[in-house]
PDB file of N, CA and C in Angstrom:
ATOM      1  N   MET A   1       7.712 -10.234 -15.600  1.00  0.00           N
ATOM      2  CA  MET A   1       6.472  -9.831 -16.091  1.00  0.00           C
ATOM      3  C   MET A   1       6.356  -8.368 -16.169  1.00  0.00           C
ATOM      4  N   THR A   2       6.234  -7.763 -17.581  1.00  0.00           N
ATOM      5  CA  THR A   2       5.985  -6.338 -17.995  1.00  0.00           C
ATOM      6  C   THR A   2       3.947  -6.396 -17.851  1.00  0.00           C
ATOM      7  N   ALA A   3       3.767  -4.637 -17.894  1.00  0.00           N
ATOM      8  CA  ALA A   3       2.640  -4.102 -17.802  1.00  0.00           C
ATOM      9  C   ALA A   3       1.100  -5.225 -18.088  1.00  0.00           C
ATOM     10  N   THR A   4       1.780  -5.542 -19.154  1.00  0.00           N
ATOM     11  CA  THR A   4       0.857  -5.386 -19.805  1.00  0.00           C
ATOM     12  C   THR A   4       0.061  -7.033 -19.897  1.00  0.00           C
ATOM     13  N   SER A   5       1.545  -8.103 -18.976  1.00  0.00           N
ATOM     14  CA  SER A   5       1.036  -8.531 -18.144  1.00  0.00           C
ATOM     15  C   SER A   5       0.615  -9.246 -17.334  1.00  0.00           C
ATOM     16  N   ALA A   6       0.206  -8.683 -16.838  1.00  0.00           N
ATOM     17  CA  ALA A   6       0.529  -8.049 -15.098  1.00  0.00           C
ATOM     18  C   ALA A   6      -1.738  -7.756 -14.775  1.00  0.00           C
ATOM     19  N   SER A   7      -1.975  -7.468 -16.427  1.00  0.00           N
ATOM     20  CA  SER A   7      -3.755  -7.412 -15.988  1.00  0.00           C
ATOM     21  C   SER A   7      -3.779  -8.760 -16.484  1.00  0.00           C
ATOM     22  N   ILE A   8      -3.629 -10.018 -15.840  1.00  0.00           N
ATOM     23  CA  ILE A   8      -3.602 -10.757 -15.903  1.00  0.00           C
ATOM     24  C   ILE A   8      -3.696 -11.743 -14.369  1.00  0.00           C
ATOM     25  N   GLY A   9      -4.309 -10.371 -13.573  1.00  0.00           N
ATOM     26  CA  GLY A   9      -3.825 -11.006 -11.845  1.00  0.00           C
ATOM     27  C   GLY A   9      -5.287 -11.078 -11.047  1.00  0.00           C
ATOM     28  N   PRO A  10      -5.086 -11.302  -9.882  1.00  0.00           N
ATOM     29  CA  PRO A  10      -6.447 -11.895  -9.536  1.00  0.00           C
ATOM     30  C   PRO A  10      -7.666 -12.022  -9.812  1.00  0.00           C
ATOM     31  N   PRO A  11      -8.775 -12.099  -9.188  1.00  0.00           N
ATOM     32  CA  PRO A  11      -9.405 -11.368  -8.851  1.00  0.00           C
ATOM     33  C   PRO A  11     -10.751 -11.220  -8.039  1.00  0.00           C
ATOM     34  N   TYR A  12      -9.407 -10.321  -7.804  1.00  0.00           N
ATOM     35  CA  TYR A  12     -10.019  -9.944  -6.077  1.00  0.00           C
ATOM     36  C   TYR A  12     -11.292  -8.400  -6.269  1.00  0.00           C
ATOM     37  N   LYS A  13     -11.188  -8.224  -5.196  1.00  0.00           N
ATOM     38  CA  LYS A  13     -12.222  -6.986  -5.460  1.00  0.00           C
ATOM     39  C   LYS A  13     -11.858  -6.718  -4.636  1.00  0.00           C
ATOM     40  N   ARG A  14     -11.898  -4.833  -5.142  1.00  0.00           N
ATOM     41  CA  ARG A  14     -10.940  -3.912  -4.549  1.00  0.00           C
ATOM     42  C   ARG A  14     -11.612  -3.750  -2.824  1.00  0.00           C
ATOM     43  N   GLY A  15     -10.479  -3.799  -1.430  1.00  0.00           N
ATOM     44  CA  GLY A  15     -11.088  -3.814  -0.425  1.00  0.00           C
ATOM     45  C   GLY A  15     -11.308  -4.963   0.307  1.00  0.00           C
ATOM     46  N   GLN A  16     -12.012  -6.064  -0.317  1.00  0.00           N
ATOM     47  CA  GLN A  16     -11.503  -7.154  -0.437  1.00  0.00           C
ATOM     48  C   GLN A  16     -10.400  -8.166   0.944  1.00  0.00           C
ATOM     49  N   ARG A  17     -10.794  -8.626   1.540  1.00  0.00           N
ATOM     50  CA  ARG A  17      -9.693  -9.056   3.052  1.00  0.00           C
ATOM     51  C   ARG A  17      -9.203 -10.035   2.373  1.00  0.00           C
ATOM     52  N   LEU A  18      -7.998 -10.366   2.183  1.00  0.00           N
ATOM     53  CA  LEU A  18      -7.585 -11.703   1.961  1.00  0.00           C
ATOM     54  C   LEU A  18      -6.884 -12.333   3.548  1.00  0.00           C
ATOM     55  N   THR A  19      -6.763 -13.496   2.812  1.00  0.00           N
ATOM     56  CA  THR A  19      -6.496 -14.861   4.170  1.00  0.00           C
ATOM     57  C   THR A  19      -6.378 -16.253   3.614  1.00  0.00           C
ATOM     58  N   GLY A  20      -5.552 -16.328   4.381  1.00  0.00           N
ATOM     59  CA  GLY A  20      -5.066 -17.804   4.537  1.00  0.00           C
ATOM     60  C   GLY A  20      -4.502 -18.065   2.780  1.00  0.00           C
ATOM     61  N   ASP A  21      -5.179 -18.832   2.305  1.00  0.00           N
ATOM     62  CA  ASP A  21      -4.498 -18.849   0.541  1.00  0.00           C
ATOM     63  C   ASP A  21      -4.200 -18.020  -0.219  1.00  0.00           C
ATOM     64  N   GLN A  22      -5.646 -17.407  -0.115  1.00  0.00           N
ATOM     65  CA  GLN A  22      -5.685 -16.338  -1.120  1.00  0.00           C
ATOM     66  C   GLN A  22      -4.482 -15.440  -0.369  1.00  0.00           C
ATOM     67  N   LEU A  23      -3.908 -14.544   0.405  1.00  0.00           N
ATOM     68  CA  LEU A  23      -2.731 -14.253   0.510  1.00  0.00           C
ATOM     69  C   LEU A  23      -1.125 -14.270   0.420  1.00  0.00           C
ATOM     70  N   ALA A  24      -1.745 -16.133   0.141  1.00  0.00           N
ATOM     71  CA  ALA A  24      -0.681 -16.928   0.098  1.00  0.00           C
ATOM     72  C   ALA A  24      -0.401 -16.245  -1.309  1.00  0.00           C
ATOM     73  N   PHE A  25      -1.203 -16.638  -2.573  1.00  0.00           N
ATOM     74  CA  PHE A  25      -1.154 -15.606  -3.088  1.00  0.00           C
ATOM     75  C   PHE A  25      -0.837 -15.377  -4.429  1.00  0.00           C
ATOM     76  N   HIS A  26      -2.175 -13.850  -3.777  1.00  0.00           N
ATOM     77  CA  HIS A  26      -1.412 -12.590  -4.275  1.00  0.00           C
ATOM     78  C   HIS A  26      -0.246 -12.091  -3.408  1.00  0.00           C
ATOM     79  N   ARG A  27       0.343 -12.266  -2.717  1.00  0.00           N
ATOM     80  CA  ARG A  27       1.871 -12.250  -2.386  1.00  0.00           C
ATOM     81  C   ARG A  27       3.129 -12.935  -2.942  1.00  0.00           C
ATOM     82  N   ALA A  28       2.291 -13.796  -3.039  1.00  0.00           N
ATOM     83  CA  ALA A  28       3.116 -13.992  -4.199  1.00  0.00           C
ATOM     84  C   ALA A  28       3.781 -14.082  -5.861  1.00  0.00           C
ATOM     85  N   TYR A  29       2.206 -13.107  -5.946  1.00  0.00           N
ATOM     86  CA  TYR A  29       1.912 -13.376  -7.513  1.00  0.00           C
ATOM     87  C   TYR A  29       2.409 -11.341  -7.927  1.00  0.00           C
ATOM     88  N   VAL A  30       2.033 -10.203  -6.412  1.00  0.00           N
ATOM     89  CA  VAL A  30       2.766  -9.123  -6.581  1.00  0.00           C
ATOM     90  C   VAL A  30       3.971  -9.888  -6.312  1.00  0.00           C
ATOM     91  N   ILE A  31       4.853  -9.935  -5.469  1.00  0.00           N
ATOM     92  CA  ILE A  31       6.192 -10.170  -5.618  1.00  0.00           C
ATOM     93  C   ILE A  31       6.712 -10.356  -7.189  1.00  0.00           C
ATOM     94  N   ARG A  32       6.408 -11.727  -7.277  1.00  0.00           N
ATOM     95  CA  ARG A  32       7.349 -12.084  -8.787  1.00  0.00           C
ATOM     96  C   ARG A  32       7.046 -10.439  -9.953  1.00  0.00           C
ATOM     97  N   ALA A  33       5.656 -10.011  -9.989  1.00  0.00           N
ATOM     98  CA  ALA A  33       5.707  -9.095 -11.133  1.00  0.00           C
ATOM     99  C   ALA A  33       6.544  -7.927 -10.778  1.00  0.00           C
ATOM    100  N   TYR A  34       6.802  -7.090  -9.462  1.00  0.00           N
ATOM    101  CA  TYR A  34       7.688  -6.558  -8.877  1.00  0.00           C
ATOM    102  C   TYR A  34       9.116  -6.647  -9.635  1.00  0.00           C
ATOM    103  N   ARG A  35       9.491  -8.010  -8.531  1.00  0.00           N
ATOM    104  CA  ARG A  35      11.025  -8.528  -8.517  1.00  0.00           C
ATOM    105  C   ARG A  35      10.400  -8.707 -10.281  1.00  0.00           C
ATOM    106  N   SER A  36      10.081  -8.694 -11.415  1.00  0.00           N
ATOM    107  CA  SER A  36      10.281  -8.893 -12.854  1.00  0.00           C
ATOM    108  C   SER A  36       9.927  -7.898 -13.743  1.00  0.00           C
ATOM    109  N   GLY A  37       9.426  -6.465 -12.664  1.00  0.00           N
ATOM    110  CA  GLY A  37       9.820  -5.094 -13.660  1.00  0.00           C
ATOM    111  C   GLY A  37       8.808  -4.412 -14.094  1.00  0.00           C
ATOM    112  N   ASP A  38       7.380  -5.084 -13.512  1.00  0.00           N
ATOM    113  CA  ASP A  38       6.596  -3.906 -12.922  1.00  0.00           C
ATOM    114  C   ASP A  38       5.813  -2.698 -11.797  1.00  0.00           C
ATOM    115  N   THR A  39       5.751  -1.623 -11.868  1.00  0.00           N
ATOM    116  CA  THR A  39       5.637  -1.200 -11.332  1.00  0.00           C
ATOM    117  C   THR A  39       4.790  -1.540  -9.720  1.00  0.00           C
ATOM    118  N   ILE A  40       4.403  -0.666  -8.774  1.00  0.00           N
ATOM    119  CA  ILE A  40       3.789  -1.111  -8.196  1.00  0.00           C
ATOM    120  C   ILE A  40       2.590  -0.616  -8.345  1.00  0.00           C
ATOM    121  N   ARG A  41       2.098   1.033  -8.528  1.00  0.00           N
ATOM    122  CA  ARG A  41       0.487   1.061  -9.414  1.00  0.00           C
ATOM    123  C   ARG A  41       0.236   0.684 -10.141  1.00  0.00           C
ATOM    124  N   THR A  42       1.266  -0.128 -11.333  1.00  0.00           N
ATOM    125  CA  THR A  42       0.879  -1.175 -12.358  1.00  0.00           C
ATOM    126  C   THR A  42       0.524  -1.717 -11.516  1.00  0.00           C
ATOM    127  N   ILE A  43       1.148  -3.096  -9.745  1.00  0.00           N
ATOM    128  CA  ILE A  43       0.424  -4.071  -9.512  1.00  0.00           C
ATOM    129  C   ILE A  43      -0.398  -3.545  -8.930  1.00  0.00           C
ATOM    130  N   ALA A  44      -0.760  -2.339  -8.488  1.00  0.00           N
ATOM    131  CA  ALA A  44      -2.027  -1.802  -7.699  1.00  0.00           C
ATOM    132  C   ALA A  44      -3.692  -1.872  -8.915  1.00  0.00           C
ATOM    133  N   ASP A  45      -2.492  -1.891  -9.485  1.00  0.00           N
ATOM    134  CA  ASP A  45      -3.890  -0.997 -11.017  1.00  0.00           C
ATOM    135  C   ASP A  45      -4.475  -3.049 -11.189  1.00  0.00           C
ATOM    136  N   ALA A  46      -3.793  -3.592 -11.585  1.00  0.00           N
ATOM    137  CA  ALA A  46      -4.490  -4.382 -12.300  1.00  0.00           C
ATOM    138  C   ALA A  46      -4.680  -5.687 -11.015  1.00  0.00           C
ATOM    139  N   THR A  47      -4.213  -6.150  -9.914  1.00  0.00           N
ATOM    140  CA  THR A  47      -4.972  -5.903  -8.506  1.00  0.00           C
ATOM    141  C   THR A  47      -5.751  -6.608  -7.956  1.00  0.00           C
ATOM    142  N   GLY A  48      -6.529  -4.834  -8.327  1.00  0.00           N
ATOM    143  CA  GLY A  48      -7.496  -4.084  -8.053  1.00  0.00           C
ATOM    144  C   GLY A  48      -6.799  -3.556  -6.458  1.00  0.00           C
ATOM    145  N   ARG A  49      -6.380  -3.727  -6.151  1.00  0.00           N
ATOM    146  CA  ARG A  49      -5.362  -3.117  -4.621  1.00  0.00           C
ATOM    147  C   ARG A  49      -4.844  -1.854  -4.551  1.00  0.00           C
ATOM    148  N   SER A  50      -5.367  -1.024  -3.737  1.00  0.00           N
ATOM    149  CA  SER A  50      -4.602   0.500  -3.513  1.00  0.00           C
ATOM    150  C   SER A  50      -3.550   0.187  -4.069  1.00  0.00           C
ATOM    151  N   TYR A  51      -2.408   1.396  -4.212  1.00  0.00           N
ATOM    152  CA  TYR A  51      -0.643   1.509  -4.089  1.00  0.00           C
ATOM    153  C   TYR A  51      -0.260   1.162  -2.565  1.00  0.00           C
ATOM    154  N   GLY A  52      -0.702   1.961  -1.025  1.00  0.00           N
ATOM    155  CA  GLY A  52      -0.155   1.698  -0.257  1.00  0.00           C
ATOM    156  C   GLY A  52      -0.114   0.283   0.192  1.00  0.00           C
ATOM    157  N   ALA A  53      -1.618  -0.734  -0.043  1.00  0.00           N
ATOM    158  CA  ALA A  53      -1.704  -1.926   0.474  1.00  0.00           C
ATOM    159  C   ALA A  53      -0.310  -2.956  -0.427  1.00  0.00           C
ATOM    160  N   VAL A  54      -0.808  -2.490  -2.032  1.00  0.00           N
ATOM    161  CA  VAL A  54       0.348  -3.164  -2.331  1.00  0.00           C
ATOM    162  C   VAL A  54       2.321  -2.833  -2.269  1.00  0.00           C
ATOM    163  N   HIS A  55       2.320  -2.021  -1.869  1.00  0.00           N
ATOM    164  CA  HIS A  55       4.100  -1.190  -1.520  1.00  0.00           C
ATOM    165  C   HIS A  55       3.871  -1.889  -0.333  1.00  0.00           C
ATOM    166  N   ARG A  56       3.046  -1.801   0.598  1.00  0.00           N
ATOM    167  CA  ARG A  56       2.766  -2.980   2.573  1.00  0.00           C
ATOM    168  C   ARG A  56       3.745  -3.814   2.482  1.00  0.00           C
ATOM    169  N   LEU A  57       2.483  -4.822   1.861  1.00  0.00           N
ATOM    170  CA  LEU A  57       2.546  -6.256   0.640  1.00  0.00           C
ATOM    171  C   LEU A  57       4.628  -6.421   0.410  1.00  0.00           C
ATOM    172  N   LEU A  58       4.839  -6.009  -0.062  1.00  0.00           N
ATOM    173  CA  LEU A  58       6.461  -5.341  -0.931  1.00  0.00           C
ATOM    174  C   LEU A  58       7.752  -5.469   0.761  1.00  0.00           C
ATOM    175  N   THR A  59       6.929  -4.552   1.629  1.00  0.00           N
ATOM    176  CA  THR A  59       7.903  -4.274   2.407  1.00  0.00           C
ATOM    177  C   THR A  59       8.061  -4.961   3.873  1.00  0.00           C
ATOM    178  N   ASN A  60       6.536  -5.306   3.694  1.00  0.00           N
ATOM    179  CA  ASN A  60       6.433  -6.460   4.731  1.00  0.00           C
ATOM    180  C   ASN A  60       6.918  -8.231   4.259  1.00  0.00           C
ATOM    181  N   SER A  61       7.142  -7.420   3.538  1.00  0.00           N
ATOM    182  CA  SER A  61       7.888  -9.553   3.114  1.00  0.00           C
ATOM    183  C   SER A  61       9.467  -9.331   2.751  1.00  0.00           C
ATOM    184  N   GLY A  62      10.074  -7.696   2.533  1.00  0.00           N
ATOM    185  CA  GLY A  62      11.366  -7.497   2.116  1.00  0.00           C
ATOM    186  C   GLY A  62      12.156  -7.851   1.706  1.00  0.00           C
ATOM    187  N   VAL A  63      10.891  -7.299   0.870  1.00  0.00           N
ATOM    188  CA  VAL A  63      11.520  -7.455  -0.593  1.00  0.00           C
ATOM    189  C   VAL A  63      11.744  -5.459  -0.902  1.00  0.00           C
ATOM    190  N   LYS A  64      13.447  -5.309  -0.914  1.00  0.00           N
ATOM    191  CA  LYS A  64      13.323  -4.001  -1.707  1.00  0.00           C
ATOM    192  C   LYS A  64      12.844  -3.330  -2.861  1.00  0.00           C
ATOM    193  N   LEU A  65      12.834  -2.335  -2.630  1.00  0.00           N
ATOM    194  CA  LEU A  65      12.018  -1.300  -3.210  1.00  0.00           C
ATOM    195  C   LEU A  65      13.466  -0.240  -3.883  1.00  0.00           C
ATOM    196  N   ARG A  66      12.749  -0.656  -5.876  1.00  0.00           N
ATOM    197  CA  ARG A  66      13.817  -0.356  -7.022  1.00  0.00           C
ATOM    198  C   ARG A  66      13.363   1.817  -6.274  1.00  0.00           C
ATOM    199  N   GLN A  67      14.865   2.265  -6.710  1.00  0.00           N
ATOM    200  CA  GLN A  67      14.729   3.344  -6.482  1.00  0.00           C
ATOM    201  C   GLN A  67      13.543   4.350  -7.027  1.00  0.00           C
ATOM    202  N   HIS A  68      12.956   5.848  -6.491  1.00  0.00           N
ATOM    203  CA  HIS A  68      12.272   6.119  -7.660  1.00  0.00           C
ATOM    204  C   HIS A  68      12.861   7.646  -8.877  1.00  0.00           C
ATOM    205  N   GLY A  69      12.267   7.661 -10.115  1.00  0.00           N
ATOM    206  CA  GLY A  69      13.022   7.676 -10.637  1.00  0.00           C
ATOM    207  C   GLY A  69      14.255   7.356 -11.557  1.00  0.00           C
ATOM    208  N   GLY A  70      15.202   8.622 -12.234  1.00  0.00           N
ATOM    209  CA  GLY A  70      15.931   7.415 -13.272  1.00  0.00           C
ATOM    210  C   GLY A  70      16.987   8.394 -13.105  1.00  0.00           C
ATOM    211  N   PRO A  71      18.440   8.430 -13.994  1.00  0.00           N
ATOM    212  CA  PRO A  71      18.695   9.690 -14.132  1.00  0.00           C
ATOM    213  C   PRO A  71      18.423  10.583 -14.764  1.00  0.00           C
ATOM    214  N   ARG A  72      19.361  11.829 -14.401  1.00  0.00           N
ATOM    215  CA  ARG A  72      19.295  13.515 -15.565  1.00  0.00           C
ATOM    216  C   ARG A  72      19.358  13.595 -16.310  1.00  0.00           C
ATOM    217  N   ALA A  73      17.869  14.731 -17.543  1.00  0.00           N
ATOM    218  CA  ALA A  73      18.050  14.139 -18.264  1.00  0.00           C
ATOM    219  C   ALA A  73      19.307  13.922 -19.124  1.00  0.00           C
ATOM    220  N   THR A  74      19.354  14.752 -18.417  1.00  0.00           N
ATOM    221  CA  THR A  74      21.520  14.916 -19.308  1.00  0.00           C
ATOM    222  C   THR A  74      21.814  13.691 -19.574  1.00  0.00           C
ATOM    223  N   SER A  75      22.045  13.649 -18.451  1.00  0.00           N
ATOM    224  CA  SER A  75      23.187  11.877 -18.401  1.00  0.00           C
ATOM    225  C   SER A  75      22.142  10.605 -18.980  1.00  0.00           C
ATOM    226  N   ARG A  76      21.078  10.923 -19.253  1.00  0.00           N
ATOM    227  CA  ARG A  76      20.044   9.752 -19.923  1.00  0.00           C
ATOM    228  C   ARG A  76      20.332  10.025 -21.547  1.00  0.00           C
ATOM    229  N   ALA A  77      20.666  11.402 -21.995  1.00  0.00           N
ATOM    230  CA  ALA A  77      20.567  11.760 -23.095  1.00  0.00           C
ATOM    231  C   ALA A  77      22.503  10.974 -23.203  1.00  0.00           C
ATOM    232  N   ARG A  78      23.182  11.990 -23.232  1.00  0.00           N
ATOM    233  CA  ARG A  78      24.574  11.151 -23.071  1.00  0.00           C
ATOM    234  C   ARG A  78      24.256   9.918 -23.829  1.00  0.00           C
ATOM    235  N   GLN A  79      23.840   8.980 -22.170  1.00  0.00           N
ATOM    236  CA  GLN A  79      23.734   7.155 -22.752  1.00  0.00           C
ATOM    237  C   GLN A  79      23.246   6.684 -23.789  1.00  0.00           C
ATOM    238  N   THR A  80      22.149   7.614 -24.277  1.00  0.00           N
ATOM    239  CA  THR A  80      21.077   7.139 -25.216  1.00  0.00           C
ATOM    240  C   THR A  80      22.339   7.686 -26.583  1.00  0.00           C
ATOM    241  N   ASP A  81      22.622   8.897 -26.468  1.00  0.00           N
ATOM    242  CA  ASP A  81      23.129   9.151 -28.010  1.00  0.00           C
ATOM    243  C   ASP A  81      24.487   9.283 -27.793  1.00  0.00           C
ATOM    244  N   PRO A  82      24.643   8.534 -28.833  1.00  0.00           N
ATOM    245  CA  PRO A  82      26.594   8.935 -29.189  1.00  0.00           C
ATOM    246  C   PRO A  82      26.971   9.668 -29.860  1.00  0.00           C
ATOM    247  N   ARG A  83      26.572  10.918 -30.466  1.00  0.00           N
ATOM    248  CA  ARG A  83      26.634  11.611 -30.752  1.00  0.00           C
ATOM    249  C   ARG A  83      26.804  12.573 -29.794  1.00  0.00           C
ATOM    250  N   THR A  84      26.111  12.467 -29.563  1.00  0.00           N
ATOM    251  CA  THR A  84      26.212  13.619 -27.434  1.00  0.00           C
ATOM    252  C   THR A  84      27.251  13.577 -26.818  1.00  0.00           C
ATOM    253  N   PRO A  85      28.514  14.264 -26.358  1.00  0.00           N
ATOM    254  CA  PRO A  85      29.390  14.755 -26.648  1.00  0.00           C
ATOM    255  C   PRO A  85      29.407  14.693 -24.386  1.00  0.00           C
ATOM    256  N   SER A  86      30.680  13.741 -24.015  1.00  0.00           N
ATOM    257  CA  SER A  86      30.813  13.396 -22.714  1.00  0.00           C
ATOM    258  C   SER A  86      30.974  14.333 -21.990  1.00  0.00           C
ATOM    259  N   ALA A  87      31.691  15.634 -22.816  1.00  0.00           N
ATOM    260  CA  ALA A  87      31.435  17.365 -21.532  1.00  0.00           C
ATOM    261  C   ALA A  87      31.506  18.345 -22.801  1.00  0.00           C
ATOM    262  N   PRO A  88      30.858  18.950 -22.201  1.00  0.00           N
ATOM    263  CA  PRO A  88      30.806  20.419 -23.150  1.00  0.00           C
ATOM    264  C   PRO A  88      31.644  20.873 -23.968  1.00  0.00           C
ATOM    265  N   ALA A  89      31.129  21.128 -24.867  1.00  0.00           N
ATOM    266  CA  ALA A  89      33.104  21.212 -25.611  1.00  0.00           C
ATOM    267  C   ALA A  89      32.769  22.907 -26.320  1.00  0.00           C
ATOM    268  N   THR A  90      33.840  23.426 -25.708  1.00  0.00           N
ATOM    269  CA  THR A  90      34.616  24.830 -25.309  1.00  0.00           C
ATOM    270  C   THR A  90      34.910  25.665 -27.147  1.00  0.00           C
ATOM    271  N   ARG A  91      35.189  27.342 -27.115  1.00  0.00           N
ATOM    272  CA  ARG A  91      34.869  27.473 -28.556  1.00  0.00           C
ATOM    273  C   ARG A  91      36.242  28.299 -28.156  1.00  0.00           C
ATOM    274  N   ARG A  92      37.299  27.838 -29.090  1.00  0.00           N
ATOM    275  CA  ARG A  92      38.910  28.572 -29.072  1.00  0.00           C
ATOM    276  C   ARG A  92      37.987  29.868 -29.300  1.00  0.00           C
ATOM    277  N   GLY A  93      39.425  30.970 -28.654  1.00  0.00           N
ATOM    278  CA  GLY A  93      39.884  32.242 -28.786  1.00  0.00           C
ATOM    279  C   GLY A  93      37.418  32.203 -27.860  1.00  0.00           C
ATOM    280  N   ALA A  94      37.426  31.953 -27.043  1.00  0.00           N
ATOM    281  CA  ALA A  94      35.897  32.742 -26.426  1.00  0.00           C
ATOM    282  C   ALA A  94      36.114  33.265 -25.647  1.00  0.00           C
ATOM    283  N   ARG A  95      35.648  34.563 -25.059  1.00  0.00           N
ATOM    284  CA  ARG A  95      35.310  35.463 -23.958  1.00  0.00           C
ATOM    285  C   ARG A  95      35.418  34.992 -23.231  1.00  0.00           C
ATOM    286  N   ARG A  96      35.151  35.597 -21.827  1.00  0.00           N
ATOM    287  CA  ARG A  96      35.146  34.271 -20.775  1.00  0.00           C
ATOM    288  C   ARG A  96      34.796  35.978 -20.456  1.00  0.00           C
TER     289      ARG A  96
END
Protein backbone atom coordinates (compact mmCIF):
# COMPACT_ATOMS: atom_id res chain seq x y z
CA MET A 1 0.00 0.00 0.00
CA THR A 2 1.10 3.53 -0.57
CA ALA A 3 -0.05 6.84 0.79
CA THR A 4 -2.66 7.08 -1.94
CA SER A 5 -4.04 3.56 -1.51
CA ALA A 6 -4.24 3.98 2.28
CA SER A 7 -6.89 6.66 1.81
CA ILE A 8 -9.36 3.87 0.98
CA GLY A 9 -9.41 2.87 4.65
CA PRO A 10 -12.35 1.61 6.66
CA PRO A 11 -15.18 4.13 7.12
CA TYR A 12 -14.91 4.75 10.87
CA LYS A 13 -15.74 8.01 12.56
CA ARG A 14 -12.95 9.63 14.55
CA GLY A 15 -13.17 8.45 18.14
CA GLN A 16 -15.58 5.60 17.41
CA ARG A 17 -14.90 2.60 19.66
CA LEU A 18 -14.08 -0.51 17.64
CA THR A 19 -15.02 -3.95 18.92
CA GLY A 20 -15.17 -7.52 17.65
CA ASP A 21 -15.05 -7.89 13.88
CA GLN A 22 -14.53 -4.15 13.33
CA LEU A 23 -11.43 -4.18 15.52
CA ALA A 24 -10.06 -7.32 13.87
CA PHE A 25 -10.56 -5.84 10.39
CA HIS A 26 -9.05 -2.50 11.45
CA ARG A 27 -6.02 -4.19 13.05
CA ALA A 28 -5.36 -6.27 9.92
CA TYR A 29 -5.74 -3.20 7.69
CA VAL A 30 -3.36 -1.08 9.78
CA ILE A 31 -0.71 -3.81 10.02
CA ARG A 32 -0.86 -4.51 6.28
CA ALA A 33 -0.59 -0.79 5.45
CA TYR A 34 2.34 -0.25 7.82
CA ARG A 35 4.25 -3.30 6.60
CA SER A 36 3.79 -2.17 3.00
CA GLY A 37 5.52 1.13 3.76
CA ASP A 38 2.88 3.62 4.87
CA THR A 39 3.73 5.83 7.82
CA ILE A 40 1.79 5.80 11.07
CA ARG A 41 0.65 9.37 10.38
CA THR A 42 -0.61 8.46 6.89
CA ILE A 43 -2.52 5.47 8.26
CA ALA A 44 -3.99 7.60 11.06
CA ASP A 45 -5.22 10.21 8.58
CA ALA A 46 -6.63 7.59 6.22
CA THR A 47 -8.51 5.68 8.93
CA GLY A 48 -9.67 8.62 11.00
CA ARG A 49 -7.77 7.43 14.07
CA SER A 50 -5.19 9.36 16.07
CA TYR A 51 -1.45 8.84 15.68
CA GLY A 52 -1.34 7.43 19.21
CA ALA A 53 -4.15 4.96 18.56
CA VAL A 54 -2.44 3.58 15.44
CA HIS A 55 0.94 3.43 17.20
CA ARG A 56 -0.58 1.63 20.20
CA LEU A 57 -2.42 -0.84 17.96
CA LEU A 58 0.81 -1.69 16.12
CA THR A 59 2.91 -2.10 19.25
CA ASN A 60 0.23 -4.14 21.04
CA SER A 61 0.04 -6.38 17.97
CA GLY A 62 3.79 -7.06 18.15
CA VAL A 63 4.74 -5.20 14.97
CA LYS A 64 8.36 -4.05 14.94
CA LEU A 65 8.31 -0.33 14.23
CA ARG A 66 10.69 1.32 11.78
CA GLN A 67 13.22 3.86 13.02
CA HIS A 68 12.56 7.55 12.59
CA GLY A 69 14.33 9.56 9.93
CA GLY A 70 16.86 8.26 7.49
CA PRO A 71 20.52 8.56 6.63
CA ARG A 72 22.26 11.89 7.22
CA ALA A 73 22.14 14.36 4.35
CA THR A 74 25.80 13.87 3.44
CA SER A 75 25.45 10.10 3.40
CA ARG A 76 22.28 10.31 1.34
CA ALA A 77 23.97 12.58 -1.24
CA ARG A 78 26.85 10.17 -1.62
CA GLN A 79 24.52 7.23 -2.11
CA THR A 80 22.41 8.92 -4.77
CA ASP A 81 24.97 11.03 -6.65
CA PRO A 82 27.77 8.99 -8.25
CA ARG A 83 29.78 12.18 -8.88
CA THR A 84 30.11 12.83 -5.15
CA PRO A 85 33.40 11.39 -3.89
CA SER A 86 33.28 8.97 -1.00
CA ALA A 87 35.97 10.91 0.88
CA PRO A 88 36.65 14.64 0.87
CA ALA A 89 39.17 15.65 -1.77
CA THR A 90 42.38 17.23 -0.56
CA ARG A 91 44.31 19.89 -2.42
CA ARG A 92 47.98 19.33 -3.03
CA GLY A 93 50.19 21.76 -1.18
CA ALA A 94 47.33 23.13 0.89
CA ARG A 95 48.38 24.81 4.13
CA ARG A 96 47.30 23.25 7.36
